[in-house]
Amino acid sequence: MAKKALLIALLLASPLARAQEPDQDGFTQPLKDLKFNPGLDQREFERSTLNALSVYDPYESWNRRVYHFNYRFDEWVFLPVVRGYRYVTPGFVRSGVSNFFSNLGDVPNLLNSLLQLKGQRSMEITGRLLLNTTIGVAGLWDPAARIGLPRQTEDFGQTLGYYGVTDGPYLMLPILGPSNLRDTGGLVVDYLADYQINFLNVPEVSSDHPEITALRMVDKRYTTKFRYGQLNTPFEYEKLRYVYTESRKLQIAE
């Protein structure tokens, strides 16, 4: 018994155990003191890890606080609401709600596609809007997807990127999640455009009926597959930041 206690004490006092302790603000620079095997090609290893995770994040301390807030809000509020929504709402109703809000979202999609001079995509989104608003009964059904016109997402952040506007510092937005300065400005423009166009009178009615906005938010979370903690790593913040940044580059380039 004494030998086991001594072994545990030695392990806790070892450099490896101390290295696993989080920084004061929670893994600010998790790879700072990492030692590599000299037998490996260190230059290539660093290029594929440190450089890959090096995203411009001057507000990291604040972003991490927002990230942890989002994590707990998702766990304690958002996901329980989504589970309740799934429990009390039949599947065909949930599909209809998702299709309806997706149809509304095709309006800013079309606007941004036109601004990016994407002729074919603009025609496809126009076809979706016409089919789903008429045959699909205001978008409750999605006949356009059945004939080969799937939903394609375009936003003003992508439009700004298309014209060479840099992404700026990384931002973690409360509830909304990963973003950057350019894309946050794009969200504001998309919201204002949606309200001004007032497609099917829904944005104007939503201002007097906040339950419509709440339902739209719940549906958005319901259709978003990402779950905080699913990466099962203390470096989820870094991974999420990197994946978001690279995915936006791909979306702008397509």
Protein backbone atom coordinates (compact mmCIF):
# COMPACT_ATOMS: atom_id res chain seq x y z
CA MET A 1 0.00 0.00 0.00
CA ALA A 2 2.84 2.36 0.90
CA LYS A 3 4.56 1.59 -2.42
CA LYS A 4 1.39 2.46 -4.36
CA ALA A 5 1.04 5.75 -2.49
CA LEU A 6 4.68 6.60 -3.22
CA LEU A 7 4.22 5.79 -6.92
CA ILE A 8 1.15 8.04 -7.16
CA ALA A 9 3.01 10.88 -5.43
CA LEU A 10 5.90 10.57 -7.90
CA LEU A 11 3.53 10.63 -10.86
CA LEU A 12 1.75 13.74 -9.61
CA ALA A 13 5.06 15.48 -9.10
CA SER A 14 6.37 14.57 -12.55
CA PRO A 15 6.81 17.21 -15.31
CA LEU A 16 4.19 15.41 -17.43
CA ALA A 17 1.52 15.83 -14.76
CA ARG A 18 2.40 19.51 -14.31
CA ALA A 19 2.28 20.06 -18.07
CA GLN A 20 -1.29 18.87 -18.19
CA GLU A 21 -2.44 21.59 -15.79
CA PRO A 22 -4.37 24.29 -17.71
CA ASP A 23 -3.10 27.84 -17.96
CA GLN A 24 -4.79 30.44 -15.78
CA ASP A 25 -7.17 31.49 -18.56
CA GLY A 26 -7.71 27.96 -19.87
CA PHE A 27 -5.20 26.86 -22.53
CA THR A 28 -4.18 30.26 -23.91
CA GLN A 29 -1.01 28.84 -25.48
CA PRO A 30 -1.34 25.06 -25.11
CA LEU A 31 1.56 24.25 -27.46
CA LYS A 32 3.99 26.87 -26.13
CA ASP A 33 6.19 24.51 -24.10
CA LEU A 34 5.61 21.36 -26.12
CA LYS A 35 8.84 19.40 -26.74
CA PHE A 36 9.15 17.40 -29.95
CA ASN A 37 10.98 14.20 -30.64
CA PRO A 38 14.31 15.25 -32.23
CA GLY A 39 14.04 12.26 -34.55
CA LEU A 40 11.01 13.77 -36.28
CA ASP A 41 11.15 16.35 -39.01
CA GLN A 42 10.39 19.19 -36.62
CA ARG A 43 10.02 21.86 -39.28
CA GLU A 44 7.29 19.99 -41.13
CA PHE A 45 5.60 19.02 -37.89
CA GLU A 46 5.46 22.62 -36.71
CA ARG A 47 4.19 23.77 -40.09
CA SER A 48 1.28 21.34 -39.89
CA THR A 49 0.37 22.18 -36.29
CA LEU A 50 1.49 25.52 -34.89
CA ASN A 51 1.18 27.41 -38.17
CA ALA A 52 -2.10 25.75 -39.04
CA LEU A 53 -3.59 26.85 -35.72
CA SER A 54 -2.16 30.35 -35.97
CA VAL A 55 -5.31 32.41 -36.60
CA TYR A 56 -5.35 36.17 -35.97
CA ASP A 57 -7.12 36.32 -32.61
CA PRO A 58 -6.15 39.50 -30.70
CA TYR A 59 -9.26 39.24 -28.52
CA GLU A 60 -8.59 35.66 -27.52
CA SER A 61 -9.13 36.20 -23.80
CA TRP A 62 -12.60 37.67 -24.40
CA ASN A 63 -13.41 35.16 -27.15
CA ARG A 64 -12.64 32.29 -24.79
CA ARG A 65 -15.04 33.68 -22.19
CA VAL A 66 -17.76 33.91 -24.84
CA TYR A 67 -16.91 30.40 -26.00
CA HIS A 68 -17.40 29.03 -22.48
CA PHE A 69 -20.63 31.00 -22.14
CA ASN A 70 -21.89 29.51 -25.41
CA TYR A 71 -20.86 26.06 -24.23
CA ARG A 72 -22.93 26.35 -21.02
CA PHE A 73 -25.83 28.16 -22.69
CA ASP A 74 -26.00 25.39 -25.26
CA GLU A 75 -25.84 22.69 -22.59
CA TRP A 76 -28.29 24.22 -20.13
CA VAL A 77 -30.70 26.21 -22.31
CA PHE A 78 -30.53 25.78 -26.07
CA LEU A 79 -30.27 22.00 -26.38
CA PRO A 80 -32.95 21.28 -23.74
CA VAL A 81 -35.28 23.60 -25.67
CA VAL A 82 -34.40 21.81 -28.92
CA ARG A 83 -35.06 18.43 -27.32
CA GLY A 84 -38.41 19.69 -26.05
CA TYR A 85 -39.20 21.03 -29.51
CA ARG A 86 -38.44 17.63 -31.04
CA TYR A 87 -40.50 15.85 -28.38
CA VAL A 88 -43.71 17.90 -28.81
CA THR A 89 -43.51 18.57 -32.56
CA PRO A 90 -44.18 15.88 -35.20
CA GLY A 91 -41.43 15.30 -37.74
CA PHE A 92 -43.40 16.61 -40.73
CA VAL A 93 -44.12 19.85 -38.85
CA ARG A 94 -40.43 20.31 -38.02
CA SER A 95 -39.57 19.72 -41.69
CA GLY A 96 -42.16 22.27 -42.76
CA VAL A 97 -40.79 24.87 -40.33
CA SER A 98 -37.22 24.27 -41.52
CA ASN A 99 -38.28 24.48 -45.18
CA PHE A 100 -40.22 27.69 -44.55
CA PHE A 101 -37.31 29.51 -42.91
CA SER A 102 -34.92 28.07 -45.50
CA ASN A 103 -37.10 29.59 -48.22
CA LEU A 104 -36.93 32.98 -46.49
CA GLY A 105 -33.15 32.63 -46.35
CA ASP A 106 -32.97 32.19 -50.12
CA VAL A 107 -33.77 35.89 -50.52
CA PRO A 108 -30.42 37.14 -49.10
CA ASN A 109 -28.79 34.12 -50.77
CA LEU A 110 -30.02 35.40 -54.15
CA LEU A 111 -29.01 38.99 -53.41
CA ASN A 112 -25.45 38.00 -52.45
CA SER A 113 -25.15 35.60 -55.37
CA LEU A 114 -26.03 38.46 -57.73
CA LEU A 115 -23.53 40.76 -56.02
CA GLN A 116 -20.83 38.12 -56.54
CA LEU A 117 -21.74 37.86 -60.26
CA LYS A 118 -22.57 34.16 -59.98
CA GLY A 119 -24.97 33.86 -62.89
CA GLN A 120 -25.75 30.14 -62.80
CA ARG A 121 -26.12 30.04 -59.03
CA SER A 122 -28.39 33.11 -59.13
CA MET A 123 -30.66 31.36 -61.63
CA GLU A 124 -30.75 28.22 -59.50
CA ILE A 125 -31.67 30.17 -56.35
CA THR A 126 -34.32 32.08 -58.31
CA GLY A 127 -35.76 28.77 -59.48
CA ARG A 128 -35.82 27.53 -55.89
CA LEU A 129 -37.64 30.62 -54.70
CA LEU A 130 -40.27 30.40 -57.45
CA LEU A 131 -40.91 26.69 -57.03
CA ASN A 132 -40.89 26.55 -53.25
CA THR A 133 -42.95 29.72 -52.77
CA THR A 134 -45.66 28.59 -55.19
CA ILE A 135 -45.80 24.80 -55.51
CA GLY A 136 -44.17 24.41 -52.09
CA VAL A 137 -46.86 26.60 -50.46
CA ALA A 138 -44.75 29.50 -49.16
CA GLY A 139 -41.80 27.16 -48.67
CA LEU A 140 -43.41 24.58 -46.38
CA TRP A 141 -42.24 21.94 -48.86
CA ASP A 142 -39.05 21.83 -50.90
CA PRO A 143 -39.93 20.53 -54.38
CA ALA A 144 -36.89 22.35 -55.80
CA ALA A 145 -34.51 19.97 -54.03
CA ARG A 146 -36.37 16.99 -55.53
CA ILE A 147 -35.64 18.21 -59.07
CA GLY A 148 -31.96 18.90 -58.47
CA LEU A 149 -31.91 22.44 -57.04
CA PRO A 150 -30.46 22.03 -53.53
CA ARG A 151 -30.13 24.98 -51.18
CA GLN A 152 -26.92 26.98 -51.55
CA THR A 153 -25.80 29.49 -48.96
CA GLU A 154 -24.45 32.93 -49.82
CA ASP A 155 -24.06 35.75 -47.30
CA PHE A 156 -22.71 39.28 -47.31
CA GLY A 157 -19.56 38.18 -45.49
CA GLN A 158 -18.79 35.99 -48.51
CA THR A 159 -19.61 38.90 -50.80
CA LEU A 160 -17.12 41.13 -48.99
CA GLY A 161 -14.52 38.37 -49.18
CA TYR A 162 -15.22 37.97 -52.91
CA TYR A 163 -14.23 41.62 -53.40
CA GLY A 164 -11.04 41.23 -51.40
CA VAL A 165 -12.07 42.39 -47.92
CA THR A 166 -9.90 40.57 -45.39
CA ASP A 167 -11.51 38.61 -42.59
CA GLY A 168 -9.98 40.70 -39.78
CA PRO A 169 -9.71 39.46 -36.21
CA TYR A 170 -11.47 36.27 -35.17
CA LEU A 171 -14.57 36.77 -33.03
CA MET A 172 -16.68 34.41 -30.95
CA LEU A 173 -20.20 35.85 -30.89
CA PRO A 174 -22.58 35.17 -27.99
CA ILE A 175 -24.96 32.33 -28.93
CA LEU A 176 -24.18 32.74 -32.67
CA GLY A 177 -20.72 31.20 -32.36
CA PRO A 178 -17.58 31.58 -34.53
CA SER A 179 -17.20 34.62 -36.75
CA ASN A 180 -14.76 37.38 -37.62
CA LEU A 181 -14.99 41.14 -38.06
CA ARG A 182 -15.90 40.94 -41.76
CA ASP A 183 -18.51 38.24 -41.33
CA THR A 184 -20.07 39.99 -38.32
CA GLY A 185 -20.58 43.09 -40.43
CA GLY A 186 -22.04 40.85 -43.11
CA LEU A 187 -24.56 39.44 -40.63
CA VAL A 188 -25.81 42.95 -39.89
CA VAL A 189 -26.19 43.76 -43.60
CA ASP A 190 -28.02 40.48 -44.27
CA TYR A 191 -30.41 41.18 -41.39
CA LEU A 192 -31.15 44.70 -42.62
CA ALA A 193 -31.63 43.48 -46.21
CA ASP A 194 -33.99 40.74 -45.01
CA TYR A 195 -36.07 43.27 -43.09
CA GLN A 196 -36.17 45.81 -45.94
CA ILE A 197 -37.19 43.25 -48.57
CA ASN A 198 -39.80 41.88 -46.14
CA PHE A 199 -40.39 38.69 -48.13
CA LEU A 200 -43.87 37.21 -47.44
CA ASN A 201 -44.23 39.95 -44.80
CA VAL A 202 -42.52 37.68 -42.26
CA PRO A 203 -39.71 40.04 -41.09
CA GLU A 204 -42.20 42.84 -40.37
CA VAL A 205 -44.62 40.54 -38.58
CA SER A 206 -41.74 39.08 -36.57
CA SER A 207 -41.06 42.49 -35.04
CA ASP A 208 -44.53 42.37 -33.43
CA HIS A 209 -44.43 38.65 -32.71
CA PRO A 210 -41.08 37.70 -31.11
CA GLU A 211 -42.24 34.08 -30.89
CA ILE A 212 -41.59 33.82 -34.65
CA THR A 213 -37.99 34.95 -34.13
CA ALA A 214 -37.66 32.51 -31.23
CA LEU A 215 -38.97 29.66 -33.39
CA ARG A 216 -36.50 30.61 -36.13
CA MET A 217 -33.62 30.48 -33.64
CA VAL A 218 -34.73 27.10 -32.28
CA ASP A 219 -35.05 25.74 -35.81
CA LYS A 220 -31.58 27.05 -36.66
CA ARG A 221 -30.11 25.23 -33.67
CA TYR A 222 -32.17 22.14 -34.46
CA THR A 223 -30.73 21.95 -38.00
CA THR A 224 -27.15 22.70 -36.88
CA LYS A 225 -25.38 19.43 -36.12
CA PHE A 226 -22.42 20.86 -34.22
CA ARG A 227 -22.32 20.23 -30.47
CA TYR A 228 -19.87 21.85 -28.09
CA GLY A 229 -17.56 19.27 -26.59
CA GLN A 230 -18.04 16.75 -29.39
CA LEU A 231 -14.36 16.97 -30.34
CA ASN A 232 -13.51 15.61 -26.87
CA THR A 233 -10.33 17.67 -26.53
CA PRO A 234 -9.15 20.59 -24.37
CA PHE A 235 -8.10 22.25 -27.64
CA GLU A 236 -11.60 22.51 -29.08
CA TYR A 237 -11.42 26.31 -29.11
CA GLU A 238 -8.34 26.24 -31.35
CA LYS A 239 -9.79 23.57 -33.63
CA LEU A 240 -13.12 25.34 -33.98
CA ARG A 241 -11.36 28.62 -34.75
CA TYR A 242 -9.17 26.99 -37.39
CA VAL A 243 -11.97 25.01 -39.06
CA TYR A 244 -14.21 28.08 -39.23
CA THR A 245 -11.47 30.24 -40.74
CA GLU A 246 -10.52 27.68 -43.38
CA SER A 247 -14.12 26.82 -44.27
CA ARG A 248 -14.88 30.49 -44.91
CA LYS A 249 -11.92 30.67 -47.28
CA LEU A 250 -13.33 27.72 -49.22
CA GLN A 251 -16.83 29.21 -49.33
CA ILE A 252 -15.50 32.49 -50.69
CA ALA A 253 -13.33 30.74 -53.28
CA GLU A 254 -16.05 28.47 -54.70
